[in-house]
PDB file of N, CA and C in Angstrom:
ATOM      1  N   UNK A   1     -22.074 -15.126  -0.377  1.00  0.00           N
ATOM      2  CA  UNK A   1     -21.182 -15.594  -1.407  1.00  0.00           C
ATOM      3  C   UNK A   1     -20.853 -17.060  -1.139  1.00  0.00           C
ATOM      4  N   UNK A   2     -20.841 -17.835  -2.186  1.00  0.00           N
ATOM      5  CA  UNK A   2     -20.554 -19.259  -2.098  1.00  0.00           C
ATOM      6  C   UNK A   2     -19.144 -19.502  -2.626  1.00  0.00           C
ATOM      7  N   UNK A   3     -18.354 -20.269  -1.912  1.00  0.00           N
ATOM      8  CA  UNK A   3     -16.998 -20.588  -2.344  1.00  0.00           C
ATOM      9  C   UNK A   3     -17.052 -21.670  -3.413  1.00  0.00           C
ATOM     10  N   UNK A   4     -16.921 -21.280  -4.673  1.00  0.00           N
ATOM     11  CA  UNK A   4     -17.000 -22.243  -5.769  1.00  0.00           C
ATOM     12  C   UNK A   4     -15.673 -22.361  -6.509  1.00  0.00           C
ATOM     13  N   UNK A   5     -14.665 -21.620  -6.086  1.00  0.00           N
ATOM     14  CA  UNK A   5     -13.401 -21.599  -6.806  1.00  0.00           C
ATOM     15  C   UNK A   5     -12.552 -22.793  -6.426  1.00  0.00           C
ATOM     16  N   UNK A   6     -11.829 -23.267  -7.394  1.00  0.00           N
ATOM     17  CA  UNK A   6     -10.904 -24.371  -7.151  1.00  0.00           C
ATOM     18  C   UNK A   6      -9.721 -24.203  -8.110  1.00  0.00           C
ATOM     19  N   UNK A   7      -8.587 -24.809  -7.784  1.00  0.00           N
ATOM     20  CA  UNK A   7      -7.421 -24.683  -8.672  1.00  0.00           C
ATOM     21  C   UNK A   7      -7.712 -25.240 -10.066  1.00  0.00           C
ATOM     22  N   UNK A   8      -7.128 -24.605 -11.059  1.00  0.00           N
ATOM     23  CA  UNK A   8      -7.296 -25.026 -12.453  1.00  0.00           C
ATOM     24  C   UNK A   8      -5.958 -25.565 -12.935  1.00  0.00           C
ATOM     25  N   UNK A   9      -5.991 -26.669 -13.644  1.00  0.00           N
ATOM     26  CA  UNK A   9      -4.789 -27.239 -14.227  1.00  0.00           C
ATOM     27  C   UNK A   9      -4.854 -27.050 -15.732  1.00  0.00           C
ATOM     28  N   UNK A  10      -3.755 -26.580 -16.308  1.00  0.00           N
ATOM     29  CA  UNK A  10      -3.679 -26.379 -17.750  1.00  0.00           C
ATOM     30  C   UNK A  10      -2.959 -27.549 -18.395  1.00  0.00           C
ATOM     31  N   UNK A  11      -3.381 -27.903 -19.596  1.00  0.00           N
ATOM     32  CA  UNK A  11      -2.764 -29.013 -20.302  1.00  0.00           C
ATOM     33  C   UNK A  11      -1.409 -28.639 -20.897  1.00  0.00           C
ATOM     34  N   UNK A  12      -1.240 -27.363 -21.197  1.00  0.00           N
ATOM     35  CA  UNK A  12       0.015 -26.920 -21.796  1.00  0.00           C
ATOM     36  C   UNK A  12       0.462 -25.617 -21.143  1.00  0.00           C
ATOM     37  N   UNK A  13       1.772 -25.468 -20.969  1.00  0.00           N
ATOM     38  CA  UNK A  13       2.331 -24.265 -20.329  1.00  0.00           C
ATOM     39  C   UNK A  13       1.947 -22.978 -21.083  1.00  0.00           C
ATOM     40  N   UNK A  14       1.877 -23.052 -22.423  1.00  0.00           N
ATOM     41  CA  UNK A  14       1.527 -21.869 -23.213  1.00  0.00           C
ATOM     42  C   UNK A  14       0.111 -21.389 -22.895  1.00  0.00           C
ATOM     43  N   UNK A  15      -0.804 -22.318 -22.630  1.00  0.00           N
ATOM     44  CA  UNK A  15      -2.169 -21.935 -22.266  1.00  0.00           C
ATOM     45  C   UNK A  15      -2.167 -21.153 -20.957  1.00  0.00           C
ATOM     46  N   UNK A  16      -1.410 -21.652 -19.987  1.00  0.00           N
ATOM     47  CA  UNK A  16      -1.331 -20.975 -18.696  1.00  0.00           C
ATOM     48  C   UNK A  16      -0.725 -19.581 -18.856  1.00  0.00           C
ATOM     49  N   UNK A  17       0.360 -19.478 -19.620  1.00  0.00           N
ATOM     50  CA  UNK A  17       1.015 -18.181 -19.800  1.00  0.00           C
ATOM     51  C   UNK A  17       0.108 -17.184 -20.505  1.00  0.00           C
ATOM     52  N   UNK A  18      -0.673 -17.657 -21.475  1.00  0.00           N
ATOM     53  CA  UNK A  18      -1.591 -16.770 -22.182  1.00  0.00           C
ATOM     54  C   UNK A  18      -2.647 -16.211 -21.225  1.00  0.00           C
ATOM     55  N   UNK A  19      -3.164 -17.048 -20.349  1.00  0.00           N
ATOM     56  CA  UNK A  19      -4.160 -16.592 -19.375  1.00  0.00           C
ATOM     57  C   UNK A  19      -3.525 -15.661 -18.357  1.00  0.00           C
ATOM     58  N   UNK A  20      -2.364 -16.031 -17.832  1.00  0.00           N
ATOM     59  CA  UNK A  20      -1.698 -15.223 -16.809  1.00  0.00           C
ATOM     60  C   UNK A  20      -1.281 -13.856 -17.361  1.00  0.00           C
ATOM     61  N   UNK A  21      -0.795 -13.817 -18.593  1.00  0.00           N
ATOM     62  CA  UNK A  21      -0.316 -12.570 -19.187  1.00  0.00           C
ATOM     63  C   UNK A  21      -1.430 -11.739 -19.797  1.00  0.00           C
ATOM     64  N   UNK A  22      -2.583 -12.351 -20.064  1.00  0.00           N
ATOM     65  CA  UNK A  22      -3.654 -11.653 -20.765  1.00  0.00           C
ATOM     66  C   UNK A  22      -4.590 -10.857 -19.891  1.00  0.00           C
ATOM     67  N   UNK A  23      -4.424 -10.908 -18.589  1.00  0.00           N
ATOM     68  CA  UNK A  23      -5.339 -10.238 -17.658  1.00  0.00           C
ATOM     69  C   UNK A  23      -5.101  -8.748 -17.590  1.00  0.00           C
ATOM     70  N   UNK A  24      -5.722  -8.080 -16.698  1.00  0.00           N
ATOM     71  CA  UNK A  24      -6.539  -8.631 -15.616  1.00  0.00           C
ATOM     72  C   UNK A  24      -7.900  -9.103 -16.135  1.00  0.00           C
ATOM     73  N   UNK A  25      -8.452 -10.082 -15.442  1.00  0.00           N
ATOM     74  CA  UNK A  25      -9.719 -10.689 -15.802  1.00  0.00           C
ATOM     75  C   UNK A  25     -10.783 -10.317 -14.785  1.00  0.00           C
ATOM     76  N   UNK A  26     -12.038 -10.316 -15.246  1.00  0.00           N
ATOM     77  CA  UNK A  26     -13.135 -10.054 -14.314  1.00  0.00           C
ATOM     78  C   UNK A  26     -14.320 -10.937 -14.674  1.00  0.00           C
ATOM     79  N   UNK A  27     -15.186 -11.083 -13.702  1.00  0.00           N
ATOM     80  CA  UNK A  27     -16.424 -11.825 -13.878  1.00  0.00           C
ATOM     81  C   UNK A  27     -17.516 -11.028 -13.197  1.00  0.00           C
ATOM     82  N   UNK A  28     -18.497 -10.596 -13.976  1.00  0.00           N
ATOM     83  CA  UNK A  28     -19.599  -9.777 -13.467  1.00  0.00           C
ATOM     84  C   UNK A  28     -19.068  -8.571 -12.684  1.00  0.00           C
ATOM     85  N   UNK A  29     -18.097  -7.877 -13.285  1.00  0.00           N
ATOM     86  CA  UNK A  29     -17.495  -6.663 -12.731  1.00  0.00           C
ATOM     87  C   UNK A  29     -16.690  -6.908 -11.449  1.00  0.00           C
ATOM     88  N   UNK A  30     -16.305  -8.152 -11.201  1.00  0.00           N
ATOM     89  CA  UNK A  30     -15.473  -8.487 -10.051  1.00  0.00           C
ATOM     90  C   UNK A  30     -14.115  -8.971 -10.547  1.00  0.00           C
ATOM     91  N   UNK A  31     -13.063  -8.444  -9.953  1.00  0.00           N
ATOM     92  CA  UNK A  31     -11.709  -8.796 -10.334  1.00  0.00           C
ATOM     93  C   UNK A  31     -11.421 -10.261 -10.004  1.00  0.00           C
ATOM     94  N   UNK A  32     -10.837 -10.963 -10.953  1.00  0.00           N
ATOM     95  CA  UNK A  32     -10.394 -12.339 -10.721  1.00  0.00           C
ATOM     96  C   UNK A  32      -8.880 -12.284 -10.542  1.00  0.00           C
ATOM     97  N   UNK A  33      -8.414 -12.795  -9.422  1.00  0.00           N
ATOM     98  CA  UNK A  33      -6.987 -12.780  -9.117  1.00  0.00           C
ATOM     99  C   UNK A  33      -6.427 -14.171  -9.356  1.00  0.00           C
ATOM    100  N   UNK A  34      -5.392 -14.228 -10.198  1.00  0.00           N
ATOM    101  CA  UNK A  34      -4.765 -15.492 -10.543  1.00  0.00           C
ATOM    102  C   UNK A  34      -3.344 -15.526 -10.014  1.00  0.00           C
ATOM    103  N   UNK A  35      -2.887 -16.702  -9.620  1.00  0.00           N
ATOM    104  CA  UNK A  35      -1.505 -16.859  -9.173  1.00  0.00           C
ATOM    105  C   UNK A  35      -1.033 -18.262  -9.496  1.00  0.00           C
ATOM    106  N   UNK A  36       0.242 -18.379  -9.799  1.00  0.00           N
ATOM    107  CA  UNK A  36       0.835 -19.694 -10.018  1.00  0.00           C
ATOM    108  C   UNK A  36       1.098 -20.320  -8.650  1.00  0.00           C
ATOM    109  N   UNK A  37       0.750 -21.578  -8.522  1.00  0.00           N
ATOM    110  CA  UNK A  37       0.965 -22.306  -7.270  1.00  0.00           C
ATOM    111  C   UNK A  37       2.166 -23.223  -7.456  1.00  0.00           C
ATOM    112  N   UNK A  38       3.254 -22.957  -6.743  1.00  0.00           N
ATOM    113  CA  UNK A  38       4.431 -23.830  -6.875  1.00  0.00           C
ATOM    114  C   UNK A  38       4.106 -25.267  -6.469  1.00  0.00           C
ATOM    115  N   UNK A  39       4.775 -26.218  -7.098  1.00  0.00           N
ATOM    116  CA  UNK A  39       4.579 -27.626  -6.762  1.00  0.00           C
ATOM    117  C   UNK A  39       4.841 -27.855  -5.278  1.00  0.00           C
ATOM    118  N   UNK A  40       3.979 -28.634  -4.658  1.00  0.00           N
ATOM    119  CA  UNK A  40       4.143 -28.955  -3.250  1.00  0.00           C
ATOM    120  C   UNK A  40       3.596 -27.905  -2.309  1.00  0.00           C
ATOM    121  N   UNK A  41       2.999 -26.836  -2.849  1.00  0.00           N
ATOM    122  CA  UNK A  41       2.453 -25.760  -2.027  1.00  0.00           C
ATOM    123  C   UNK A  41       0.940 -25.911  -1.947  1.00  0.00           C
ATOM    124  N   UNK A  42       0.401 -25.690  -0.770  1.00  0.00           N
ATOM    125  CA  UNK A  42      -1.050 -25.696  -0.598  1.00  0.00           C
ATOM    126  C   UNK A  42      -1.601 -24.421  -1.229  1.00  0.00           C
ATOM    127  N   UNK A  43      -2.553 -24.504  -2.148  1.00  0.00           N
ATOM    128  CA  UNK A  43      -3.106 -23.296  -2.776  1.00  0.00           C
ATOM    129  C   UNK A  43      -3.630 -22.272  -1.769  1.00  0.00           C
ATOM    130  N   UNK A  44      -4.085 -22.726  -0.611  1.00  0.00           N
ATOM    131  CA  UNK A  44      -4.569 -21.792   0.414  1.00  0.00           C
ATOM    132  C   UNK A  44      -3.453 -20.922   0.976  1.00  0.00           C
ATOM    133  N   UNK A  45      -2.200 -21.342   0.806  1.00  0.00           N
ATOM    134  CA  UNK A  45      -1.059 -20.588   1.323  1.00  0.00           C
ATOM    135  C   UNK A  45      -0.531 -19.545   0.341  1.00  0.00           C
ATOM    136  N   UNK A  46      -1.095 -19.484  -0.862  1.00  0.00           N
ATOM    137  CA  UNK A  46      -0.651 -18.522  -1.873  1.00  0.00           C
ATOM    138  C   UNK A  46      -1.455 -17.240  -1.709  1.00  0.00           C
ATOM    139  N   UNK A  47      -0.792 -16.117  -1.373  1.00  0.00           N
ATOM    140  CA  UNK A  47      -1.537 -14.863  -1.193  1.00  0.00           C
ATOM    141  C   UNK A  47      -2.074 -14.334  -2.525  1.00  0.00           C
ATOM    142  N   UNK A  48      -3.340 -13.982  -2.545  1.00  0.00           N
ATOM    143  CA  UNK A  48      -3.978 -13.444  -3.748  1.00  0.00           C
ATOM    144  C   UNK A  48      -4.218 -11.953  -3.546  1.00  0.00           C
ATOM    145  N   UNK A  49      -3.132 -11.176  -3.592  1.00  0.00           N
ATOM    146  CA  UNK A  49      -3.245  -9.742  -3.334  1.00  0.00           C
ATOM    147  C   UNK A  49      -2.609  -8.885  -4.428  1.00  0.00           C
ATOM    148  N   UNK A  50      -1.976  -9.495  -5.427  1.00  0.00           N
ATOM    149  CA  UNK A  50      -1.308  -8.713  -6.467  1.00  0.00           C
ATOM    150  C   UNK A  50      -1.828  -9.075  -7.847  1.00  0.00           C
ATOM    151  N   UNK A  51      -2.043  -8.036  -8.663  1.00  0.00           N
ATOM    152  CA  UNK A  51      -2.553  -8.203 -10.025  1.00  0.00           C
ATOM    153  C   UNK A  51      -1.767  -7.269 -10.940  1.00  0.00           C
ATOM    154  N   UNK A  52      -1.410  -7.755 -12.127  1.00  0.00           N
ATOM    155  CA  UNK A  52      -0.702  -6.932 -13.109  1.00  0.00           C
ATOM    156  C   UNK A  52      -1.712  -6.130 -13.925  1.00  0.00           C
ATOM    157  N   UNK A  53      -1.489  -4.826 -14.005  1.00  0.00           N
ATOM    158  CA  UNK A  53      -2.349  -3.911 -14.767  1.00  0.00           C
ATOM    159  C   UNK A  53      -1.500  -3.130 -15.761  1.00  0.00           C
ATOM    160  N   UNK A  54      -2.080  -2.825 -16.915  1.00  0.00           N
ATOM    161  CA  UNK A  54      -1.474  -1.863 -17.834  1.00  0.00           C
ATOM    162  C   UNK A  54      -1.867  -0.482 -17.343  1.00  0.00           C
ATOM    163  N   UNK A  55      -0.881   0.379 -17.157  1.00  0.00           N
ATOM    164  CA  UNK A  55      -1.085   1.721 -16.598  1.00  0.00           C
ATOM    165  C   UNK A  55      -0.688   2.748 -17.645  1.00  0.00           C
ATOM    166  N   UNK A  56      -1.508   3.781 -17.810  1.00  0.00           N
ATOM    167  CA  UNK A  56      -1.193   4.865 -18.739  1.00  0.00           C
ATOM    168  C   UNK A  56      -0.414   5.955 -18.018  1.00  0.00           C
ATOM    169  N   UNK A  57       0.647   6.437 -18.672  1.00  0.00           N
ATOM    170  CA  UNK A  57       1.441   7.550 -18.146  1.00  0.00           C
ATOM    171  C   UNK A  57       1.199   8.751 -19.052  1.00  0.00           C
ATOM    172  N   UNK A  58       0.507   9.748 -18.532  1.00  0.00           N
ATOM    173  CA  UNK A  58       0.188  10.952 -19.303  1.00  0.00           C
ATOM    174  C   UNK A  58       1.180  12.067 -18.984  1.00  0.00           C
ATOM    175  N   UNK A  59       1.347  12.987 -19.926  1.00  0.00           N
ATOM    176  CA  UNK A  59       2.207  14.164 -19.776  1.00  0.00           C
ATOM    177  C   UNK A  59       3.626  13.788 -19.375  1.00  0.00           C
ATOM    178  N   UNK A  60       4.126  12.714 -19.922  1.00  0.00           N
ATOM    179  CA  UNK A  60       5.487  12.264 -19.633  1.00  0.00           C
ATOM    180  C   UNK A  60       6.432  13.028 -20.550  1.00  0.00           C
ATOM    181  N   UNK A  61       7.403  13.774 -20.002  1.00  0.00           N
ATOM    182  CA  UNK A  61       8.301  14.583 -20.841  1.00  0.00           C
ATOM    183  C   UNK A  61       9.052  13.723 -21.863  1.00  0.00           C
ATOM    184  N   UNK A  62       9.152  14.223 -23.095  1.00  0.00           N
ATOM    185  CA  UNK A  62       9.797  13.475 -24.168  1.00  0.00           C
ATOM    186  C   UNK A  62      11.236  13.132 -23.804  1.00  0.00           C
ATOM    187  N   UNK A  63      11.946  14.041 -23.162  1.00  0.00           N
ATOM    188  CA  UNK A  63      13.347  13.809 -22.810  1.00  0.00           C
ATOM    189  C   UNK A  63      13.561  12.739 -21.753  1.00  0.00           C
ATOM    190  N   UNK A  64      12.516  12.353 -21.054  1.00  0.00           N
ATOM    191  CA  UNK A  64      12.688  11.344 -20.003  1.00  0.00           C
ATOM    192  C   UNK A  64      11.945  10.045 -20.328  1.00  0.00           C
ATOM    193  N   UNK A  65      11.726   9.815 -21.587  1.00  0.00           N
ATOM    194  CA  UNK A  65      11.054   8.575 -22.014  1.00  0.00           C
ATOM    195  C   UNK A  65      12.112   7.498 -22.263  1.00  0.00           C
ATOM    196  N   UNK A  66      12.475   6.833 -21.201  1.00  0.00           N
ATOM    197  CA  UNK A  66      13.455   5.754 -21.305  1.00  0.00           C
ATOM    198  C   UNK A  66      12.935   4.552 -20.532  1.00  0.00           C
ATOM    199  N   UNK A  67      13.487   3.399 -20.844  1.00  0.00           N
ATOM    200  CA  UNK A  67      13.083   2.179 -20.139  1.00  0.00           C
ATOM    201  C   UNK A  67      13.349   2.329 -18.638  1.00  0.00           C
ATOM    202  N   UNK A  68      14.458   2.950 -18.291  1.00  0.00           N
ATOM    203  CA  UNK A  68      14.801   3.145 -16.872  1.00  0.00           C
ATOM    204  C   UNK A  68      13.776   4.037 -16.166  1.00  0.00           C
ATOM    205  N   UNK A  69      13.347   5.111 -16.831  1.00  0.00           N
ATOM    206  CA  UNK A  69      12.343   6.001 -16.235  1.00  0.00           C
ATOM    207  C   UNK A  69      11.020   5.267 -16.050  1.00  0.00           C
ATOM    208  N   UNK A  70      10.648   4.458 -17.041  1.00  0.00           N
ATOM    209  CA  UNK A  70       9.410   3.691 -16.923  1.00  0.00           C
ATOM    210  C   UNK A  70       9.506   2.673 -15.787  1.00  0.00           C
ATOM    211  N   UNK A  71      10.679   2.054 -15.626  1.00  0.00           N
ATOM    212  CA  UNK A  71      10.872   1.110 -14.525  1.00  0.00           C
ATOM    213  C   UNK A  71      10.726   1.807 -13.174  1.00  0.00           C
ATOM    214  N   UNK A  72      11.253   2.999 -13.050  1.00  0.00           N
ATOM    215  CA  UNK A  72      11.150   3.746 -11.789  1.00  0.00           C
ATOM    216  C   UNK A  72       9.695   4.078 -11.467  1.00  0.00           C
ATOM    217  N   UNK A  73       8.938   4.492 -12.469  1.00  0.00           N
ATOM    218  CA  UNK A  73       7.516   4.780 -12.250  1.00  0.00           C
ATOM    219  C   UNK A  73       6.778   3.501 -11.851  1.00  0.00           C
ATOM    220  N   UNK A  74       7.038   2.412 -12.578  1.00  0.00           N
ATOM    221  CA  UNK A  74       6.392   1.140 -12.267  1.00  0.00           C
ATOM    222  C   UNK A  74       6.705   0.666 -10.861  1.00  0.00           C
ATOM    223  N   UNK A  75       7.944   0.834 -10.430  1.00  0.00           N
ATOM    224  CA  UNK A  75       8.328   0.416  -9.085  1.00  0.00           C
ATOM    225  C   UNK A  75       7.797   1.373  -8.017  1.00  0.00           C
ATOM    226  N   UNK A  76       7.498   2.605  -8.381  1.00  0.00           N
ATOM    227  CA  UNK A  76       6.893   3.541  -7.437  1.00  0.00           C
ATOM    228  C   UNK A  76       5.436   3.168  -7.154  1.00  0.00           C
ATOM    229  N   UNK A  77       4.709   2.795  -8.203  1.00  0.00           N
ATOM    230  CA  UNK A  77       3.286   2.478  -8.008  1.00  0.00           C
ATOM    231  C   UNK A  77       3.054   1.026  -7.617  1.00  0.00           C
ATOM    232  N   UNK A  78       4.053   0.176  -7.807  1.00  0.00           N
ATOM    233  CA  UNK A  78       3.943  -1.248  -7.486  1.00  0.00           C
ATOM    234  C   UNK A  78       5.258  -1.914  -7.812  1.00  0.00           C
ATOM    235  N   UNK A  79       5.213  -2.908  -8.680  1.00  0.00           N
ATOM    236  CA  UNK A  79       6.421  -3.574  -9.166  1.00  0.00           C
ATOM    237  C   UNK A  79       6.379  -3.571 -10.683  1.00  0.00           C
ATOM    238  N   UNK A  80       7.383  -2.957 -11.301  1.00  0.00           N
ATOM    239  CA  UNK A  80       7.453  -2.872 -12.757  1.00  0.00           C
ATOM    240  C   UNK A  80       7.510  -4.270 -13.361  1.00  0.00           C
ATOM    241  N   UNK A  81       6.732  -4.497 -14.438  1.00  0.00           N
ATOM    242  CA  UNK A  81       6.747  -5.776 -15.144  1.00  0.00           C
ATOM    243  C   UNK A  81       7.341  -5.588 -16.538  1.00  0.00           C
ATOM    244  N   UNK A  82       6.772  -4.660 -17.317  1.00  0.00           N
ATOM    245  CA  UNK A  82       7.261  -4.403 -18.672  1.00  0.00           C
ATOM    246  C   UNK A  82       6.695  -3.088 -19.180  1.00  0.00           C
ATOM    247  N   UNK A  83       7.315  -2.573 -20.243  1.00  0.00           N
ATOM    248  CA  UNK A  83       6.741  -1.390 -20.883  1.00  0.00           C
ATOM    249  C   UNK A  83       6.262  -1.788 -22.269  1.00  0.00           C
ATOM    250  N   UNK A  84       5.307  -1.038 -22.771  1.00  0.00           N
ATOM    251  CA  UNK A  84       4.730  -1.297 -24.085  1.00  0.00           C
ATOM    252  C   UNK A  84       5.802  -1.029 -25.147  1.00  0.00           C
ATOM    253  N   UNK A  85       5.982  -1.958 -26.075  1.00  0.00           N
ATOM    254  CA  UNK A  85       6.971  -1.789 -27.144  1.00  0.00           C
ATOM    255  C   UNK A  85       6.703  -0.542 -27.975  1.00  0.00           C
ATOM    256  N   UNK A  86       5.448  -0.141 -28.062  1.00  0.00           N
ATOM    257  CA  UNK A  86       5.089   1.029 -28.875  1.00  0.00           C
ATOM    258  C   UNK A  86       5.443   2.354 -28.206  1.00  0.00           C
ATOM    259  N   UNK A  87       5.913   2.327 -26.951  1.00  0.00           N
ATOM    260  CA  UNK A  87       6.294   3.573 -26.279  1.00  0.00           C
ATOM    261  C   UNK A  87       7.408   4.300 -27.025  1.00  0.00           C
ATOM    262  N   UNK A  88       8.228   3.568 -27.736  1.00  0.00           N
ATOM    263  CA  UNK A  88       9.402   4.168 -28.367  1.00  0.00           C
ATOM    264  C   UNK A  88       9.293   4.270 -29.883  1.00  0.00           C
ATOM    265  N   UNK A  89       8.168   3.853 -30.457  1.00  0.00           N
ATOM    266  CA  UNK A  89       8.051   3.868 -31.916  1.00  0.00           C
ATOM    267  C   UNK A  89       7.341   5.101 -32.449  1.00  0.00           C
ATOM    268  N   UNK A  90       6.480   5.705 -31.674  1.00  0.00           N
ATOM    269  CA  UNK A  90       5.740   6.879 -32.135  1.00  0.00           C
ATOM    270  C   UNK A  90       6.162   8.101 -31.331  1.00  0.00           C
ATOM    271  N   UNK A  91       6.456   9.193 -32.007  1.00  0.00           N
ATOM    272  CA  UNK A  91       6.923  10.402 -31.315  1.00  0.00           C
ATOM    273  C   UNK A  91       5.772  11.119 -30.624  1.00  0.00           C
ATOM    274  N   UNK A  92       4.653  11.273 -31.280  1.00  0.00           N
ATOM    275  CA  UNK A  92       3.549  12.070 -30.747  1.00  0.00           C
ATOM    276  C   UNK A  92       2.473  11.178 -30.137  1.00  0.00           C
ATOM    277  N   UNK A  93       2.807  10.536 -29.059  1.00  0.00           N
ATOM    278  CA  UNK A  93       1.827   9.688 -28.375  1.00  0.00           C
ATOM    279  C   UNK A  93       1.161  10.490 -27.268  1.00  0.00           C
ATOM    280  N   UNK A  94      -0.123  10.242 -27.069  1.00  0.00           N
ATOM    281  CA  UNK A  94      -0.861  10.914 -26.001  1.00  0.00           C
ATOM    282  C   UNK A  94      -0.415  10.431 -24.631  1.00  0.00           C
ATOM    283  N   UNK A  95      -0.025   9.155 -24.546  1.00  0.00           N
ATOM    284  CA  UNK A  95       0.401   8.587 -23.271  1.00  0.00           C
ATOM    285  C   UNK A  95       1.305   7.389 -23.521  1.00  0.00           C
ATOM    286  N   UNK A  96       2.092   7.049 -22.515  1.00  0.00           N
ATOM    287  CA  UNK A  96       2.929   5.856 -22.538  1.00  0.00           C
ATOM    288  C   UNK A  96       2.210   4.779 -21.726  1.00  0.00           C
ATOM    289  N   UNK A  97       2.580   3.506 -21.922  1.00  0.00           N
ATOM    290  CA  UNK A  97       1.967   2.423 -21.156  1.00  0.00           C
ATOM    291  C   UNK A  97       3.048   1.557 -20.531  1.00  0.00           C
ATOM    292  N   UNK A  98       2.819   1.211 -19.260  1.00  0.00           N
ATOM    293  CA  UNK A  98       3.667   0.238 -18.596  1.00  0.00           C
ATOM    294  C   UNK A  98       2.776  -0.775 -17.893  1.00  0.00           C
ATOM    295  N   UNK A  99       3.312  -1.948 -17.678  1.00  0.00           N
ATOM    296  CA  UNK A  99       2.598  -2.970 -16.926  1.00  0.00           C
ATOM    297  C   UNK A  99       3.262  -3.051 -15.554  1.00  0.00           C
ATOM    298  N   UNK A 100       2.439  -2.973 -14.509  1.00  0.00           N
ATOM    299  CA  UNK A 100       2.960  -3.018 -13.145  1.00  0.00           C
ATOM    300  C   UNK A 100       2.109  -3.958 -12.304  1.00  0.00           C
ATOM    301  N   UNK A 101       2.763  -4.634 -11.399  1.00  0.00           N
ATOM    302  CA  UNK A 101       2.091  -5.523 -10.457  1.00  0.00           C
ATOM    303  C   UNK A 101       1.667  -4.682  -9.259  1.00  0.00           C
ATOM    304  N   UNK A 102       0.344  -4.565  -9.048  1.00  0.00           N
ATOM    305  CA  UNK A 102      -0.178  -3.702  -7.992  1.00  0.00           C
ATOM    306  C   UNK A 102      -0.758  -4.525  -6.854  1.00  0.00           C
ATOM    307  N   UNK A 103      -0.526  -4.057  -5.643  1.00  0.00           N
ATOM    308  CA  UNK A 103      -1.083  -4.674  -4.446  1.00  0.00           C
ATOM    309  C   UNK A 103      -2.501  -4.139  -4.285  1.00  0.00           C
ATOM    310  N   UNK A 104      -3.500  -5.012  -4.417  1.00  0.00           N
ATOM    311  CA  UNK A 104      -4.893  -4.557  -4.389  1.00  0.00           C
ATOM    312  C   UNK A 104      -5.379  -4.209  -2.990  1.00  0.00           C
ATOM    313  N   UNK A 105      -4.556  -4.456  -1.968  1.00  0.00           N
ATOM    314  CA  UNK A 105      -4.949  -4.090  -0.604  1.00  0.00           C
ATOM    315  C   UNK A 105      -4.535  -2.660  -0.271  1.00  0.00           C
ATOM    316  N   UNK A 106      -3.812  -1.995  -1.188  1.00  0.00           N
ATOM    317  CA  UNK A 106      -3.333  -0.634  -0.949  1.00  0.00           C
ATOM    318  C   UNK A 106      -4.013   0.335  -1.906  1.00  0.00           C
ATOM    319  N   UNK A 107      -4.179   1.583  -1.497  1.00  0.00           N
ATOM    320  CA  UNK A 107      -4.786   2.576  -2.401  1.00  0.00           C
ATOM    321  C   UNK A 107      -3.916   2.805  -3.641  1.00  0.00           C
ATOM    322  N   UNK A 108      -4.557   3.157  -4.751  1.00  0.00           N
ATOM    323  CA  UNK A 108      -3.830   3.467  -5.979  1.00  0.00           C
ATOM    324  C   UNK A 108      -3.093   4.788  -5.833  1.00  0.00           C
ATOM    325  N   UNK A 109      -1.926   4.875  -6.438  1.00  0.00           N
ATOM    326  CA  UNK A 109      -1.168   6.124  -6.496  1.00  0.00           C
ATOM    327  C   UNK A 109      -1.525   6.760  -7.829  1.00  0.00           C
ATOM    328  N   UNK A 110      -2.142   7.928  -7.772  1.00  0.00           N
ATOM    329  CA  UNK A 110      -2.678   8.533  -8.995  1.00  0.00           C
ATOM    330  C   UNK A 110      -1.709   9.464  -9.685  1.00  0.00           C
ATOM    331  N   UNK A 111      -0.812  10.072  -8.941  1.00  0.00           N
ATOM    332  CA  UNK A 111       0.086  11.064  -9.543  1.00  0.00           C
ATOM    333  C   UNK A 111       1.506  10.871  -9.026  1.00  0.00           C
ATOM    334  N   UNK A 112       2.440  11.236  -9.904  1.00  0.00           N
ATOM    335  CA  UNK A 112       3.841  11.251  -9.523  1.00  0.00           C
ATOM    336  C   UNK A 112       4.468  12.447 -10.219  1.00  0.00           C
ATOM    337  N   UNK A 113       5.273  13.187  -9.490  1.00  0.00           N
ATOM    338  CA  UNK A 113       5.960  14.320 -10.090  1.00  0.00           C
ATOM    339  C   UNK A 113       7.405  13.898 -10.348  1.00  0.00           C
ATOM    340  N   UNK A 114       7.810  14.002 -11.608  1.00  0.00           N
ATOM    341  CA  UNK A 114       9.144  13.550 -11.988  1.00  0.00           C
ATOM    342  C   UNK A 114      10.039  14.732 -12.315  1.00  0.00           C
ATOM    343  N   UNK A 115      11.319  14.539 -12.111  1.00  0.00           N
ATOM    344  CA  UNK A 115      12.306  15.551 -12.469  1.00  0.00           C
ATOM    345  C   UNK A 115      13.316  14.940 -13.440  1.00  0.00           C
ATOM    346  N   UNK A 116      13.801  15.783 -14.342  1.00  0.00           N
ATOM    347  CA  UNK A 116      14.845  15.294 -15.244  1.00  0.00           C
ATOM    348  C   UNK A 116      16.202  15.416 -14.549  1.00  0.00           C
ATOM    349  N   UNK A 117      17.285  15.104 -15.265  1.00  0.00           N
ATOM    350  CA  UNK A 117      18.602  15.114 -14.639  1.00  0.00           C
ATOM    351  C   UNK A 117      19.045  16.507 -14.189  1.00  0.00           C
ATOM    352  N   UNK A 118      18.404  17.566 -14.733  1.00  0.00           N
ATOM    353  CA  UNK A 118      18.717  18.927 -14.301  1.00  0.00           C
ATOM    354  C   UNK A 118      17.863  19.368 -13.119  1.00  0.00           C
ATOM    355  N   UNK A 119      16.990  18.492 -12.614  1.00  0.00           N
ATOM    356  CA  UNK A 119      16.154  18.813 -11.459  1.00  0.00           C
ATOM    357  C   UNK A 119      14.899  19.580 -11.816  1.00  0.00           C
ATOM    358  N   UNK A 120      14.546  19.601 -13.104  1.00  0.00           N
ATOM    359  CA  UNK A 120      13.363  20.340 -13.551  1.00  0.00           C
ATOM    360  C   UNK A 120      12.241  19.383 -13.862  1.00  0.00           C
TER     361      UNK A 120
END
C-alpha cells in the first residue's frame, strides 16, 4: 500500500459539513475515515478510529419508541448522534434508524435486549 492521502481543505464550511455528514464513504470497498483537524493540530495526531453509521433497529416495541430510548441504544453500541426524523411519522415501520459513532477497532454489537418501564 502506498501512502497517498493528504489533508483536504474545503473552500466553504457547507461543503465540509455535507461530506462529513453524508458518509460513511468508501473507495474500492475500503472504508474512508474522515475527521476534522482542529487549527494548530498536526493531522498525524488526530485518531482515525470512529465513523458515523446509520443503524437499523428491528423489532423495537412500539411503546418504547422515544428519542431517549434511541439515545440509549446509540450510546450502547457507540455514541448516539441522531435519530431519523421518519422514526416518529409512520406507525407501521419495519425498523427504526439511528446514527451512531462507532469505534472501528472494536467488534460490532449485533443485539440488545431492552425492557420497558415494567421490566418486560
